C-alpha atoms as a PDB file:
ATOM      1  CA  UNK A   1     -16.718   1.556  13.084  1.00  0.00           C
ATOM      2  CA  UNK A   2     -14.542   3.416  10.675  1.00  0.00           C
ATOM      3  CA  UNK A   3     -11.728   0.759  11.148  1.00  0.00           C
ATOM      4  CA  UNK A   4     -14.251  -2.090  10.238  1.00  0.00           C
ATOM      5  CA  UNK A   5     -15.365  -0.350   7.040  1.00  0.00           C
ATOM      6  CA  UNK A   6     -11.734   0.137   6.084  1.00  0.00           C
ATOM      7  CA  UNK A   7     -10.946  -3.254   6.611  1.00  0.00           C
ATOM      8  CA  UNK A   8     -13.769  -4.471   4.687  1.00  0.00           C
ATOM      9  CA  UNK A   9     -12.724  -2.263   1.887  1.00  0.00           C
ATOM     10  CA  UNK A  10      -8.973  -3.207   1.881  1.00  0.00           C
ATOM     11  CA  UNK A  11     -10.089  -6.898   1.831  1.00  0.00           C
ATOM     12  CA  UNK A  12     -12.526  -6.485  -1.084  1.00  0.00           C
ATOM     13  CA  UNK A  13      -9.425  -4.987  -2.809  1.00  0.00           C
ATOM     14  CA  UNK A  14      -7.344  -8.025  -2.117  1.00  0.00           C
ATOM     15  CA  UNK A  15     -10.278  -9.965  -3.119  1.00  0.00           C
ATOM     16  CA  UNK A  16     -10.581  -8.038  -6.525  1.00  0.00           C
ATOM     17  CA  UNK A  17      -6.807  -8.524  -7.318  1.00  0.00           C
ATOM     18  CA  UNK A  18      -7.271 -12.205  -6.515  1.00  0.00           C
ATOM     19  CA  UNK A  19      -9.866 -12.540  -8.948  1.00  0.00           C
ATOM     20  CA  UNK A  20      -8.051 -10.665 -11.606  1.00  0.00           C
ATOM     21  CA  UNK A  21      -5.120 -13.396 -11.426  1.00  0.00           C
ATOM     22  CA  UNK A  22      -7.521 -16.182 -11.260  1.00  0.00           C
ATOM     23  CA  UNK A  23      -9.349 -14.935 -14.316  1.00  0.00           C
ATOM     24  CA  UNK A  24      -6.047 -14.226 -16.039  1.00  0.00           C
ATOM     25  CA  UNK A  25      -4.700 -17.859 -15.300  1.00  0.00           C
ATOM     26  CA  UNK A  26      -7.844 -19.564 -16.317  1.00  0.00           C
ATOM     27  CA  UNK A  27      -8.280 -17.609 -19.486  1.00  0.00           C
ATOM     28  CA  UNK A  28      -4.915 -18.325 -20.562  1.00  0.00           C
ATOM     29  CA  UNK A  29      -5.212 -21.980 -20.204  1.00  0.00           C
ATOM     30  CA  UNK A  30      -7.634 -21.914 -23.102  1.00  0.00           C
ATOM     31  CA  UNK A  31      -4.840 -21.277 -25.261  1.00  0.00           C
ATOM     32  CA  UNK A  32      -4.078 -25.128 -25.168  1.00  0.00           C
ATOM     33  CA  UNK A  33      -0.679 -26.322 -26.222  1.00  0.00           C
ATOM     34  CA  UNK A  34       0.349 -22.916 -27.166  1.00  0.00           C
ATOM     35  CA  UNK A  35      -0.376 -21.670 -23.451  1.00  0.00           C
ATOM     36  CA  UNK A  36       2.338 -20.094 -21.764  1.00  0.00           C
ATOM     37  CA  UNK A  37       2.118 -22.460 -18.757  1.00  0.00           C
ATOM     38  CA  UNK A  38       4.812 -20.859 -16.417  1.00  0.00           C
ATOM     39  CA  UNK A  39       2.640 -17.609 -16.761  1.00  0.00           C
ATOM     40  CA  UNK A  40      -0.646 -19.636 -15.726  1.00  0.00           C
ATOM     41  CA  UNK A  41       1.291 -20.945 -12.586  1.00  0.00           C
ATOM     42  CA  UNK A  42       2.477 -17.430 -11.668  1.00  0.00           C
ATOM     43  CA  UNK A  43      -0.943 -15.831 -11.877  1.00  0.00           C
ATOM     44  CA  UNK A  44      -2.325 -18.873 -10.052  1.00  0.00           C
ATOM     45  CA  UNK A  45       0.130 -18.399  -7.073  1.00  0.00           C
ATOM     46  CA  UNK A  46      -0.751 -14.807  -7.251  1.00  0.00           C
ATOM     47  CA  UNK A  47      -4.570 -15.704  -6.846  1.00  0.00           C
ATOM     48  CA  UNK A  48      -3.756 -17.805  -3.585  1.00  0.00           C
ATOM     49  CA  UNK A  49      -1.314 -15.190  -2.173  1.00  0.00           C
ATOM     50  CA  UNK A  50      -3.786 -12.378  -2.538  1.00  0.00           C
ATOM     51  CA  UNK A  51      -6.760 -14.650  -1.130  1.00  0.00           C
ATOM     52  CA  UNK A  52      -4.688 -15.616   1.623  1.00  0.00           C
ATOM     53  CA  UNK A  53      -3.986 -12.084   2.511  1.00  0.00           C
ATOM     54  CA  UNK A  54      -7.633 -10.827   2.104  1.00  0.00           C
ATOM     55  CA  UNK A  55      -8.441 -13.239   4.893  1.00  0.00           C
ATOM     56  CA  UNK A  56      -5.752 -11.668   7.141  1.00  0.00           C
ATOM     57  CA  UNK A  57      -6.754  -8.292   6.342  1.00  0.00           C
ATOM     58  CA  UNK A  58     -10.489  -9.297   6.967  1.00  0.00           C
ATOM     59  CA  UNK A  59      -9.288 -10.629  10.443  1.00  0.00           C
ATOM     60  CA  UNK A  60      -6.993  -7.934  11.595  1.00  0.00           C
ATOM     61  CA  UNK A  61      -3.980  -9.999  11.326  1.00  0.00           C
ATOM     62  CA  UNK A  62      -0.592  -8.588   9.951  1.00  0.00           C
ATOM     63  CA  UNK A  63       0.049  -9.098   5.841  1.00  0.00           C
ATOM     64  CA  UNK A  64       3.661  -9.663   5.474  1.00  0.00           C
ATOM     65  CA  UNK A  65       5.204  -8.510   2.411  1.00  0.00           C
ATOM     66  CA  UNK A  66       5.973 -12.117   1.181  1.00  0.00           C
ATOM     67  CA  UNK A  67       5.222 -14.565  -1.742  1.00  0.00           C
ATOM     68  CA  UNK A  68       5.696 -17.508   0.670  1.00  0.00           C
ATOM     69  CA  UNK A  69       2.410 -19.359   0.724  1.00  0.00           C
ATOM     70  CA  UNK A  70       3.460 -21.507   3.367  1.00  0.00           C
ATOM     71  CA  UNK A  71       4.087 -18.642   5.505  1.00  0.00           C
ATOM     72  CA  UNK A  72       0.885 -16.900   4.826  1.00  0.00           C
ATOM     73  CA  UNK A  73      -1.286 -20.083   5.788  1.00  0.00           C
ATOM     74  CA  UNK A  74       0.849 -20.352   9.043  1.00  0.00           C
ATOM     75  CA  UNK A  75      -0.688 -16.862  10.104  1.00  0.00           C
ATOM     76  CA  UNK A  76      -4.006 -18.064   9.535  1.00  0.00           C
ATOM     77  CA  UNK A  77      -5.787 -19.486  12.947  1.00  0.00           C
ATOM     78  CA  UNK A  78      -5.343 -23.464  12.393  1.00  0.00           C
ATOM     79  CA  UNK A  79      -9.109 -23.949  11.963  1.00  0.00           C
ATOM     80  CA  UNK A  80      -9.286 -21.347   9.089  1.00  0.00           C
ATOM     81  CA  UNK A  81      -6.469 -22.678   6.961  1.00  0.00           C
ATOM     82  CA  UNK A  82      -7.132 -23.697   3.247  1.00  0.00           C
ATOM     83  CA  UNK A  83      -6.759 -27.236   2.734  1.00  0.00           C
ATOM     84  CA  UNK A  84      -3.358 -27.339   0.919  1.00  0.00           C
ATOM     85  CA  UNK A  85      -0.593 -29.992   1.403  1.00  0.00           C
ATOM     86  CA  UNK A  86       2.938 -28.713   2.433  1.00  0.00           C
ATOM     87  CA  UNK A  87       3.918 -29.939  -0.867  1.00  0.00           C
ATOM     88  CA  UNK A  88       1.208 -27.917  -2.806  1.00  0.00           C
ATOM     89  CA  UNK A  89       2.241 -24.787  -0.734  1.00  0.00           C
ATOM     90  CA  UNK A  90       5.873 -25.151  -1.732  1.00  0.00           C
ATOM     91  CA  UNK A  91       4.931 -25.571  -5.255  1.00  0.00           C
ATOM     92  CA  UNK A  92       2.837 -22.608  -5.207  1.00  0.00           C
ATOM     93  CA  UNK A  93       5.593 -20.599  -3.504  1.00  0.00           C
ATOM     94  CA  UNK A  94       7.957 -21.603  -6.441  1.00  0.00           C
ATOM     95  CA  UNK A  95       5.659 -20.112  -8.885  1.00  0.00           C
ATOM     96  CA  UNK A  96       5.989 -16.597  -7.361  1.00  0.00           C
ATOM     97  CA  UNK A  97       9.525 -16.041  -8.329  1.00  0.00           C
ATOM     98  CA  UNK A  98      10.961 -18.923 -10.355  1.00  0.00           C
ATOM     99  CA  UNK A  99       8.441 -18.864 -13.435  1.00  0.00           C
ATOM    100  CA  UNK A 100       9.414 -15.104 -13.954  1.00  0.00           C
ATOM    101  CA  UNK A 101      12.804 -15.516 -15.033  1.00  0.00           C
ATOM    102  CA  UNK A 102      15.055 -17.665 -17.687  1.00  0.00           C
ATOM    103  CA  UNK A 103      16.571 -21.010 -16.637  1.00  0.00           C
ATOM    104  CA  UNK A 104      13.484 -22.212 -14.499  1.00  0.00           C
ATOM    105  CA  UNK A 105      12.313 -25.717 -15.554  1.00  0.00           C
ATOM    106  CA  UNK A 106       9.462 -26.094 -18.186  1.00  0.00           C
ATOM    107  CA  UNK A 107       6.229 -26.476 -16.836  1.00  0.00           C
ATOM    108  CA  UNK A 108       3.752 -29.300 -18.505  1.00  0.00           C
ATOM    109  CA  UNK A 109       0.003 -28.146 -19.445  1.00  0.00           C
ATOM    110  CA  UNK A 110      -1.163 -30.444 -16.806  1.00  0.00           C
ATOM    111  CA  UNK A 111       0.792 -29.191 -14.171  1.00  0.00           C
ATOM    112  CA  UNK A 112      -0.540 -25.392 -14.807  1.00  0.00           C
ATOM    113  CA  UNK A 113      -4.087 -26.826 -14.868  1.00  0.00           C
ATOM    114  CA  UNK A 114      -3.326 -28.377 -11.397  1.00  0.00           C
ATOM    115  CA  UNK A 115      -2.098 -24.902 -10.370  1.00  0.00           C
ATOM    116  CA  UNK A 116      -5.588 -23.211 -11.471  1.00  0.00           C
ATOM    117  CA  UNK A 117      -7.284 -26.046  -9.536  1.00  0.00           C
ATOM    118  CA  UNK A 118      -5.169 -25.340  -6.484  1.00  0.00           C
ATOM    119  CA  UNK A 119      -6.121 -21.546  -6.793  1.00  0.00           C
ATOM    120  CA  UNK A 120     -10.031 -22.358  -7.315  1.00  0.00           C
ATOM    121  CA  UNK A 121      -9.936 -24.519  -4.115  1.00  0.00           C
ATOM    122  CA  UNK A 122      -8.280 -21.642  -1.762  1.00  0.00           C
ATOM    123  CA  UNK A 123     -10.739 -19.175  -3.594  1.00  0.00           C
ATOM    124  CA  UNK A 124     -13.850 -21.422  -2.520  1.00  0.00           C
ATOM    125  CA  UNK A 125     -12.354 -21.658   1.100  1.00  0.00           C
ATOM    126  CA  UNK A 126     -11.582 -18.052   1.781  1.00  0.00           C
ATOM    127  CA  UNK A 127     -14.834 -16.846   0.191  1.00  0.00           C
ATOM    128  CA  UNK A 128     -16.600 -19.061   2.543  1.00  0.00           C
ATOM    129  CA  UNK A 129     -14.912 -17.403   5.563  1.00  0.00           C
ATOM    130  CA  UNK A 130     -15.476 -13.557   4.288  1.00  0.00           C
ATOM    131  CA  UNK A 131     -18.707 -11.639   4.982  1.00  0.00           C
ATOM    132  CA  UNK A 132     -20.840 -11.028   1.950  1.00  0.00           C
ATOM    133  CA  UNK A 133     -20.275  -7.478   2.062  1.00  0.00           C
ATOM    134  CA  UNK A 134     -16.692  -7.900   1.468  1.00  0.00           C
ATOM    135  CA  UNK A 135     -17.436  -9.984  -1.614  1.00  0.00           C
ATOM    136  CA  UNK A 136     -19.709  -7.361  -3.273  1.00  0.00           C
ATOM    137  CA  UNK A 137     -17.946  -4.549  -2.564  1.00  0.00           C
ATOM    138  CA  UNK A 138     -16.157  -2.930  -5.497  1.00  0.00           C
ATOM    139  CA  UNK A 139     -12.789  -1.040  -4.876  1.00  0.00           C
ATOM    140  CA  UNK A 140     -13.037   2.399  -5.092  1.00  0.00           C
ATOM    141  CA  UNK A 141     -11.609   4.237  -8.012  1.00  0.00           C
ATOM    142  CA  UNK A 142      -8.407   6.100  -7.718  1.00  0.00           C
ATOM    143  CA  UNK A 143      -8.735   9.520  -6.463  1.00  0.00           C
ATOM    144  CA  UNK A 144      -7.868  12.035  -9.476  1.00  0.00           C
END
């Protein structure tokens, strides 16, 4: 029973971090034309990555130290995979690193909005697979 509780706690921590990233992306979009679109895409990718990792933890599956959305999706049992095309998965993966460094291409506001839409789609899907107890649980504060 203790292992199940720990799994739920860790999955809840991943969910909380995924929510932070999605909230950051969605809030930043409100800046309109002055929006740092690459930042929005980065946080959308991070939300997707963390939701997928929350599911892997919840199911007791290995969680790789990877930003590769395609790899994470492939680790999820077929019937539980989110509805993301291979192209969408590849694009999200690009946002994990490319958007953080100089020399990466410009991102249109429309593309940033689409990245948030993808993140929300994954959020809905993964949350539908998690037990409500994981979704209600608040991460424990760090020990002092």
